Amino acid sequence: MPREKVVRVWDEREIVYSPKRWRYLWEKREKALQIMERLAQFDPHVYGSVARGDVRKDSDIDIVIPYKVPSYLIELALEGISIQARRIVMATPWHLIKGHIEIDEETTVTFFLTNPTDKELEFYKWGGMVDIWGVKTKQRVPGVNKKLILIIPTEKGHIEREVVGRESEVAKIIGVSVELVKERVHILTRRDAIGRTGVYLNEEVPDWMSFEEALKMIADRDPNIRRKVRESGGI
């Protein structure tokens, strides 16, 4: 899928959803809920467009466990579900190390292999996140998409507002720090200017190996990973 670019809407506009778009949303919510119920003891959240509501037919279903959990407990909870891939992912040498369990082409469960900071947790709130009760009761939350547009849910669809120039307002609406908003604006506008540089780590974990064992092997050969693991208190 082509990378989405930052766009400028300058003012505000309201988007009214068609019946088909509402159907996409509730179908993706139902699919997310089936996974989240398996993971209920770990406080799972769905984040991104499925939390905000502004989905398309090809929108991903992203579920996150918002704290560090031993991977075997997560995999035990998902036992019986067909898994497409298991990966360890890290955006840059300074970011959180995460485990990804890819259930199918559109559905991924993310969990943390190192302890997240408050700022790293804010990243998920930035895009919008809803817990299992919120999914069951059809709650939708405001958040910012990859085009740097604030999405504010309404009964008919959503309202769009540009983030650039409204950083303080956006921070209050979605409940994150102004510093995070400014950082995301800087990163996403810079990415538009120079292009995406890729992720630092994206390595598949063999079926016979735990995420923690794979991370230890990676840390043994990569000083940046080793430092991040050490800073977070170890594997």
C-alpha atoms as a PDB file:
ATOM      1  CA  MET A   1       0.000   0.000   0.000  1.00  0.00           C
ATOM      2  CA  PRO A   2       1.462   3.440  -0.908  1.00  0.00           C
ATOM      3  CA  ARG A   3       2.751   5.484   1.991  1.00  0.00           C
ATOM      4  CA  GLU A   4       0.342   8.168   3.145  1.00  0.00           C
ATOM      5  CA  LYS A   5       1.600  11.727   2.901  1.00  0.00           C
ATOM      6  CA  VAL A   6       1.034  14.604   5.281  1.00  0.00           C
ATOM      7  CA  VAL A   7      -1.757  16.773   3.908  1.00  0.00           C
ATOM      8  CA  ARG A   8      -2.976  20.256   4.768  1.00  0.00           C
ATOM      9  CA  VAL A   9      -6.723  20.782   5.195  1.00  0.00           C
ATOM     10  CA  TRP A  10      -6.142  24.190   6.803  1.00  0.00           C
ATOM     11  CA  ASP A  11      -9.600  24.526   8.279  1.00  0.00           C
ATOM     12  CA  GLU A  12     -12.046  21.886   9.425  1.00  0.00           C
ATOM     13  CA  ARG A  13     -14.217  19.498   7.517  1.00  0.00           C
ATOM     14  CA  GLU A  14     -16.816  16.918   8.433  1.00  0.00           C
ATOM     15  CA  ILE A  15     -16.858  13.455   6.892  1.00  0.00           C
ATOM     16  CA  VAL A  16     -20.176  11.576   6.824  1.00  0.00           C
ATOM     17  CA  TYR A  17     -19.768   7.809   6.606  1.00  0.00           C
ATOM     18  CA  SER A  18     -21.598   5.691   4.083  1.00  0.00           C
ATOM     19  CA  PRO A  19     -23.347   2.476   5.249  1.00  0.00           C
ATOM     20  CA  LYS A  20     -20.475   0.523   3.693  1.00  0.00           C
ATOM     21  CA  ARG A  21     -17.899   2.419   5.743  1.00  0.00           C
ATOM     22  CA  TRP A  22     -19.829   1.807   8.957  1.00  0.00           C
ATOM     23  CA  ARG A  23     -19.967  -1.883   8.051  1.00  0.00           C
ATOM     24  CA  TYR A  24     -16.173  -2.007   7.574  1.00  0.00           C
ATOM     25  CA  LEU A  25     -15.720  -0.429  11.018  1.00  0.00           C
ATOM     26  CA  TRP A  26     -18.002  -2.781  12.923  1.00  0.00           C
ATOM     27  CA  GLU A  27     -16.647  -5.846  11.106  1.00  0.00           C
ATOM     28  CA  LYS A  28     -13.079  -4.885  12.032  1.00  0.00           C
ATOM     29  CA  ARG A  29     -14.163  -4.110  15.598  1.00  0.00           C
ATOM     30  CA  GLU A  30     -15.796  -7.534  15.887  1.00  0.00           C
ATOM     31  CA  LYS A  31     -12.668  -9.233  14.557  1.00  0.00           C
ATOM     32  CA  ALA A  32     -10.509  -7.250  17.018  1.00  0.00           C
ATOM     33  CA  LEU A  33     -12.832  -8.146  19.898  1.00  0.00           C
ATOM     34  CA  GLN A  34     -12.448 -11.874  19.271  1.00  0.00           C
ATOM     35  CA  ILE A  35      -8.674 -11.527  19.752  1.00  0.00           C
ATOM     36  CA  MET A  36      -8.948  -9.054  22.628  1.00  0.00           C
ATOM     37  CA  GLU A  37     -11.248 -11.350  24.597  1.00  0.00           C
ATOM     38  CA  ARG A  38      -8.554 -14.015  24.451  1.00  0.00           C
ATOM     39  CA  LEU A  39      -6.100 -11.464  25.859  1.00  0.00           C
ATOM     40  CA  ALA A  40      -8.515  -9.854  28.343  1.00  0.00           C
ATOM     41  CA  GLN A  41      -6.267 -10.477  31.375  1.00  0.00           C
ATOM     42  CA  PHE A  42      -3.554  -8.284  29.799  1.00  0.00           C
ATOM     43  CA  ASP A  43      -5.701  -5.155  29.266  1.00  0.00           C
ATOM     44  CA  PRO A  44      -5.518  -5.183  25.437  1.00  0.00           C
ATOM     45  CA  HIS A  45      -6.282  -2.030  23.452  1.00  0.00           C
ATOM     46  CA  VAL A  46      -7.036  -1.585  19.780  1.00  0.00           C
ATOM     47  CA  TYR A  47      -5.323   1.479  18.353  1.00  0.00           C
ATOM     48  CA  GLY A  48      -5.264   3.566  15.205  1.00  0.00           C
ATOM     49  CA  SER A  49      -8.125   3.893  12.747  1.00  0.00           C
ATOM     50  CA  VAL A  50     -10.153   1.041  14.288  1.00  0.00           C
ATOM     51  CA  ALA A  51     -10.131   2.976  17.581  1.00  0.00           C
ATOM     52  CA  ARG A  52     -10.963   6.303  15.911  1.00  0.00           C
ATOM     53  CA  GLY A  53     -13.443   4.913  13.403  1.00  0.00           C
ATOM     54  CA  ASP A  54     -12.011   6.288  10.157  1.00  0.00           C
ATOM     55  CA  VAL A  55     -11.377   2.867   8.622  1.00  0.00           C
ATOM     56  CA  ARG A  56     -11.188   1.811   5.019  1.00  0.00           C
ATOM     57  CA  LYS A  57     -11.616  -1.675   3.614  1.00  0.00           C
ATOM     58  CA  ASP A  58      -7.830  -2.218   3.766  1.00  0.00           C
ATOM     59  CA  SER A  59      -7.253  -0.714   7.246  1.00  0.00           C
ATOM     60  CA  ASP A  60      -5.153  -2.779   9.630  1.00  0.00           C
ATOM     61  CA  ILE A  61      -6.408  -4.100  12.960  1.00  0.00           C
ATOM     62  CA  ASP A  62      -3.705  -3.273  15.511  1.00  0.00           C
ATOM     63  CA  ILE A  63      -3.955  -4.558  19.084  1.00  0.00           C
ATOM     64  CA  VAL A  64      -1.442  -3.644  21.786  1.00  0.00           C
ATOM     65  CA  ILE A  65      -0.712  -4.955  25.287  1.00  0.00           C
ATOM     66  CA  PRO A  66       0.328  -1.690  27.028  1.00  0.00           C
ATOM     67  CA  TYR A  67       3.004  -3.134  29.334  1.00  0.00           C
ATOM     68  CA  LYS A  68       5.726  -5.795  29.335  1.00  0.00           C
ATOM     69  CA  VAL A  69       4.343  -9.345  29.519  1.00  0.00           C
ATOM     70  CA  PRO A  70       6.191 -12.682  29.138  1.00  0.00           C
ATOM     71  CA  SER A  71       5.592 -13.765  25.563  1.00  0.00           C
ATOM     72  CA  TYR A  72       4.613 -17.332  26.478  1.00  0.00           C
ATOM     73  CA  LEU A  73       1.564 -16.031  28.384  1.00  0.00           C
ATOM     74  CA  ILE A  74       0.363 -14.118  25.338  1.00  0.00           C
ATOM     75  CA  GLU A  75       0.958 -17.058  23.036  1.00  0.00           C
ATOM     76  CA  LEU A  76      -0.806 -19.387  25.469  1.00  0.00           C
ATOM     77  CA  ALA A  77      -3.843 -17.072  25.417  1.00  0.00           C
ATOM     78  CA  LEU A  78      -3.818 -17.161  21.603  1.00  0.00           C
ATOM     79  CA  GLU A  79      -3.394 -20.941  21.416  1.00  0.00           C
ATOM     80  CA  GLY A  80      -5.478 -22.482  18.650  1.00  0.00           C
ATOM     81  CA  ILE A  81      -5.455 -19.357  16.483  1.00  0.00           C
ATOM     82  CA  SER A  82      -3.518 -19.639  13.243  1.00  0.00           C
ATOM     83  CA  ILE A  83      -0.437 -17.384  13.332  1.00  0.00           C
ATOM     84  CA  GLN A  84       1.113 -16.016  10.147  1.00  0.00           C
ATOM     85  CA  ALA A  85       4.394 -14.693  11.599  1.00  0.00           C
ATOM     86  CA  ARG A  86       6.203 -13.777  14.829  1.00  0.00           C
ATOM     87  CA  ARG A  87       8.581 -10.825  14.694  1.00  0.00           C
ATOM     88  CA  ILE A  88      10.778  -8.625  16.860  1.00  0.00           C
ATOM     89  CA  VAL A  89      10.571  -5.004  15.751  1.00  0.00           C
ATOM     90  CA  MET A  90      12.381  -1.807  16.738  1.00  0.00           C
ATOM     91  CA  ALA A  91      11.865   1.499  14.910  1.00  0.00           C
ATOM     92  CA  THR A  92      15.240   3.073  15.758  1.00  0.00           C
ATOM     93  CA  PRO A  93      18.077   2.188  18.187  1.00  0.00           C
ATOM     94  CA  TRP A  94      16.416   4.502  20.729  1.00  0.00           C
ATOM     95  CA  HIS A  95      12.877   3.129  20.547  1.00  0.00           C
ATOM     96  CA  LEU A  96      10.956   0.386  22.300  1.00  0.00           C
ATOM     97  CA  ILE A  97      11.640  -3.243  21.366  1.00  0.00           C
ATOM     98  CA  LYS A  98       8.360  -4.942  20.531  1.00  0.00           C
ATOM     99  CA  GLY A  99       7.065  -8.368  19.707  1.00  0.00           C
ATOM    100  CA  HIS A 100       4.598  -8.686  16.841  1.00  0.00           C
ATOM    101  CA  ILE A 101       2.287 -11.663  16.445  1.00  0.00           C
ATOM    102  CA  GLU A 102       0.825 -11.368  12.952  1.00  0.00           C
ATOM    103  CA  ILE A 103      -2.418 -13.297  12.866  1.00  0.00           C
ATOM    104  CA  ASP A 104      -3.229 -12.517   9.238  1.00  0.00           C
ATOM    105  CA  GLU A 105      -2.560  -9.875   6.600  1.00  0.00           C
ATOM    106  CA  GLU A 106      -4.447  -7.177   8.504  1.00  0.00           C
ATOM    107  CA  THR A 107      -4.334  -8.217  12.181  1.00  0.00           C
ATOM    108  CA  THR A 108      -1.332  -7.818  14.509  1.00  0.00           C
ATOM    109  CA  VAL A 109      -0.920  -8.154  18.271  1.00  0.00           C
ATOM    110  CA  THR A 110       1.909  -5.991  19.637  1.00  0.00           C
ATOM    111  CA  PHE A 111       3.510  -6.459  23.045  1.00  0.00           C
ATOM    112  CA  PHE A 112       6.580  -4.955  24.660  1.00  0.00           C
ATOM    113  CA  LEU A 113       9.828  -6.853  25.159  1.00  0.00           C
ATOM    114  CA  THR A 114      11.365  -3.954  27.087  1.00  0.00           C
ATOM    115  CA  ASN A 115       9.660  -1.770  29.672  1.00  0.00           C
ATOM    116  CA  PRO A 116       7.935   1.195  27.987  1.00  0.00           C
ATOM    117  CA  THR A 117       8.399   4.774  29.133  1.00  0.00           C
ATOM    118  CA  ASP A 118       5.402   7.074  29.607  1.00  0.00           C
ATOM    119  CA  LYS A 119       6.371   8.822  26.380  1.00  0.00           C
ATOM    120  CA  GLU A 120       6.404   5.554  24.450  1.00  0.00           C
ATOM    121  CA  LEU A 121       2.934   4.708  25.747  1.00  0.00           C
ATOM    122  CA  GLU A 122       1.739   8.158  24.679  1.00  0.00           C
ATOM    123  CA  PHE A 123       2.556   7.221  21.095  1.00  0.00           C
ATOM    124  CA  TYR A 124      -0.363   4.782  21.045  1.00  0.00           C
ATOM    125  CA  LYS A 125      -2.718   7.314  22.613  1.00  0.00           C
ATOM    126  CA  TRP A 126      -1.625   9.774  19.905  1.00  0.00           C
ATOM    127  CA  GLY A 127      -3.191   7.560  17.244  1.00  0.00           C
ATOM    128  CA  GLY A 128      -6.210   6.739  19.402  1.00  0.00           C
ATOM    129  CA  MET A 129      -6.664   3.634  21.546  1.00  0.00           C
ATOM    130  CA  VAL A 130      -9.706   1.877  22.995  1.00  0.00           C
ATOM    131  CA  ASP A 131      -9.824  -0.900  25.601  1.00  0.00           C
ATOM    132  CA  ILE A 132     -11.930  -4.033  25.415  1.00  0.00           C
ATOM    133  CA  TRP A 133     -14.927  -2.425  27.157  1.00  0.00           C
ATOM    134  CA  GLY A 134     -14.766   0.479  24.728  1.00  0.00           C
ATOM    135  CA  VAL A 135     -14.843  -1.909  21.784  1.00  0.00           C
ATOM    136  CA  LYS A 136     -17.822  -3.771  23.242  1.00  0.00           C
ATOM    137  CA  THR A 137     -19.746  -0.523  23.794  1.00  0.00           C
ATOM    138  CA  LYS A 138     -18.786   0.963  20.409  1.00  0.00           C
ATOM    139  CA  GLN A 139     -16.761   3.835  21.850  1.00  0.00           C
ATOM    140  CA  ARG A 140     -14.619   5.833  19.432  1.00  0.00           C
ATOM    141  CA  VAL A 141     -11.841   8.202  20.427  1.00  0.00           C
ATOM    142  CA  PRO A 142      -9.995  11.114  18.836  1.00  0.00           C
ATOM    143  CA  GLY A 143      -6.518  10.530  17.465  1.00  0.00           C
ATOM    144  CA  VAL A 144      -4.130  11.604  14.730  1.00  0.00           C
ATOM    145  CA  ASN A 145      -3.655   9.684  11.484  1.00  0.00           C
ATOM    146  CA  LYS A 146      -0.468   9.257   9.438  1.00  0.00           C
ATOM    147  CA  LYS A 147      -1.326  12.325   7.362  1.00  0.00           C
ATOM    148  CA  LEU A 148      -1.117  14.491  10.506  1.00  0.00           C
ATOM    149  CA  ILE A 149      -4.862  15.049  10.561  1.00  0.00           C
ATOM    150  CA  LEU A 150      -6.734  15.000  13.868  1.00  0.00           C
ATOM    151  CA  ILE A 151      -9.779  12.732  13.647  1.00  0.00           C
ATOM    152  CA  ILE A 152     -12.634  13.631  16.020  1.00  0.00           C
ATOM    153  CA  PRO A 153     -15.479  11.076  15.977  1.00  0.00           C
ATOM    154  CA  THR A 154     -19.069  12.232  15.504  1.00  0.00           C
ATOM    155  CA  GLU A 155     -22.393  10.394  15.330  1.00  0.00           C
ATOM    156  CA  LYS A 156     -22.384  10.679  11.534  1.00  0.00           C
ATOM    157  CA  GLY A 157     -18.679  10.034  10.928  1.00  0.00           C
ATOM    158  CA  HIS A 158     -15.833  12.313  11.969  1.00  0.00           C
ATOM    159  CA  ILE A 159     -14.416  15.820  11.860  1.00  0.00           C
ATOM    160  CA  GLU A 160     -10.917  16.452  10.480  1.00  0.00           C
ATOM    161  CA  ARG A 161      -8.591  19.199  11.690  1.00  0.00           C
ATOM    162  CA  GLU A 162      -5.021  19.940  10.740  1.00  0.00           C
ATOM    163  CA  VAL A 163      -2.503  19.304  13.520  1.00  0.00           C
ATOM    164  CA  VAL A 164       0.219  21.718  12.380  1.00  0.00           C
ATOM    165  CA  GLY A 165      -0.294  25.055  14.112  1.00  0.00           C
ATOM    166  CA  ARG A 166      -2.728  23.538  16.624  1.00  0.00           C
ATOM    167  CA  GLU A 167      -0.303  21.462  18.664  1.00  0.00           C
ATOM    168  CA  SER A 168      -1.540  22.589  22.093  1.00  0.00           C
ATOM    169  CA  GLU A 169      -5.189  22.106  21.164  1.00  0.00           C
ATOM    170  CA  VAL A 170      -4.496  18.649  19.746  1.00  0.00           C
ATOM    171  CA  ALA A 171      -2.557  17.616  22.868  1.00  0.00           C
ATOM    172  CA  LYS A 172      -5.545  18.520  25.082  1.00  0.00           C
ATOM    173  CA  ILE A 173      -8.084  16.759  22.878  1.00  0.00           C
ATOM    174  CA  ILE A 174      -6.242  13.433  22.747  1.00  0.00           C
ATOM    175  CA  GLY A 175      -4.678  13.659  26.221  1.00  0.00           C
ATOM    176  CA  VAL A 176      -0.965  13.622  25.431  1.00  0.00           C
ATOM    177  CA  SER A 177       1.882  16.060  26.034  1.00  0.00           C
ATOM    178  CA  VAL A 178       2.495  19.000  23.715  1.00  0.00           C
ATOM    179  CA  GLU A 179       6.079  17.746  23.411  1.00  0.00           C
ATOM    180  CA  LEU A 180       4.885  14.489  21.881  1.00  0.00           C
ATOM    181  CA  VAL A 181       2.675  16.314  19.379  1.00  0.00           C
ATOM    182  CA  LYS A 182       5.560  18.564  18.325  1.00  0.00           C
ATOM    183  CA  GLU A 183       7.881  15.567  18.017  1.00  0.00           C
ATOM    184  CA  ARG A 184       5.418  13.640  15.835  1.00  0.00           C
ATOM    185  CA  VAL A 185       4.873  16.704  13.633  1.00  0.00           C
ATOM    186  CA  HIS A 186       8.632  17.054  13.194  1.00  0.00           C
ATOM    187  CA  ILE A 187       9.166  13.361  12.417  1.00  0.00           C
ATOM    188  CA  LEU A 188       6.266  13.001   9.989  1.00  0.00           C
ATOM    189  CA  THR A 189       6.914  16.226   8.080  1.00  0.00           C
ATOM    190  CA  ARG A 190      10.630  15.362   7.871  1.00  0.00           C
ATOM    191  CA  ARG A 191       9.754  11.873   6.649  1.00  0.00           C
ATOM    192  CA  ASP A 192       7.655  13.441   3.912  1.00  0.00           C
ATOM    193  CA  ALA A 193      10.578  15.624   2.891  1.00  0.00           C
ATOM    194  CA  ILE A 194      13.353  12.994   2.847  1.00  0.00           C
ATOM    195  CA  GLY A 195      11.408   9.743   2.678  1.00  0.00           C
ATOM    196  CA  ARG A 196      11.009   6.831   5.037  1.00  0.00           C
ATOM    197  CA  THR A 197      14.316   5.348   6.171  1.00  0.00           C
ATOM    198  CA  GLY A 198      12.898   2.010   7.340  1.00  0.00           C
ATOM    199  CA  VAL A 199      13.020   0.363  10.738  1.00  0.00           C
ATOM    200  CA  TYR A 200      16.141  -0.539  12.678  1.00  0.00           C
ATOM    201  CA  LEU A 201      15.076  -4.097  13.445  1.00  0.00           C
ATOM    202  CA  ASN A 202      12.457  -6.365  11.905  1.00  0.00           C
ATOM    203  CA  GLU A 203      13.427  -9.974  12.467  1.00  0.00           C
ATOM    204  CA  GLU A 204      11.259 -13.070  12.270  1.00  0.00           C
ATOM    205  CA  VAL A 205      11.289 -15.381  15.282  1.00  0.00           C
ATOM    206  CA  PRO A 206      11.440 -19.118  14.471  1.00  0.00           C
ATOM    207  CA  ASP A 207       8.473 -21.215  15.617  1.00  0.00           C
ATOM    208  CA  TRP A 208      10.626 -23.235  18.013  1.00  0.00           C
ATOM    209  CA  MET A 209      12.134 -20.193  19.761  1.00  0.00           C
ATOM    210  CA  SER A 210      10.602 -17.811  22.307  1.00  0.00           C
ATOM    211  CA  PHE A 211      10.667 -14.065  21.713  1.00  0.00           C
ATOM    212  CA  GLU A 212      12.927 -13.612  24.731  1.00  0.00           C
ATOM    213  CA  GLU A 213      15.430 -16.195  23.471  1.00  0.00           C
ATOM    214  CA  ALA A 214      15.479 -14.546  20.052  1.00  0.00           C
ATOM    215  CA  LEU A 215      15.965 -11.114  21.626  1.00  0.00           C
ATOM    216  CA  LYS A 216      18.916 -12.409  23.673  1.00  0.00           C
ATOM    217  CA  MET A 217      20.567 -13.732  20.521  1.00  0.00           C
ATOM    218  CA  ILE A 218      20.046 -10.399  18.776  1.00  0.00           C
ATOM    219  CA  ALA A 219      21.367  -8.487  21.807  1.00  0.00           C
ATOM    220  CA  ASP A 220      24.497 -10.661  21.863  1.00  0.00           C
ATOM    221  CA  ARG A 221      25.432  -9.457  18.380  1.00  0.00           C
ATOM    222  CA  ASP A 222      24.060  -5.892  18.426  1.00  0.00           C
ATOM    223  CA  PRO A 223      25.352  -3.384  21.021  1.00  0.00           C
ATOM    224  CA  ASN A 224      22.413  -1.010  20.460  1.00  0.00           C
ATOM    225  CA  ILE A 225      19.907  -3.746  21.262  1.00  0.00           C
ATOM    226  CA  ARG A 226      22.040  -4.912  24.180  1.00  0.00           C
ATOM    227  CA  ARG A 227      22.121  -1.386  25.627  1.00  0.00           C
ATOM    228  CA  LYS A 228      18.349  -0.948  25.272  1.00  0.00           C
ATOM    229  CA  VAL A 229      17.686  -4.289  26.977  1.00  0.00           C
ATOM    230  CA  ARG A 230      20.105  -3.425  29.796  1.00  0.00           C
ATOM    231  CA  GLU A 231      18.505   0.001  30.308  1.00  0.00           C
ATOM    232  CA  SER A 232      15.066  -1.600  30.636  1.00  0.00           C
ATOM    233  CA  GLY A 233      16.174  -4.049  33.313  1.00  0.00           C
ATOM    234  CA  GLY A 234      17.006  -7.058  31.183  1.00  0.00           C
ATOM    235  CA  ILE A 235      15.017  -9.666  29.319  1.00  0.00           C
END
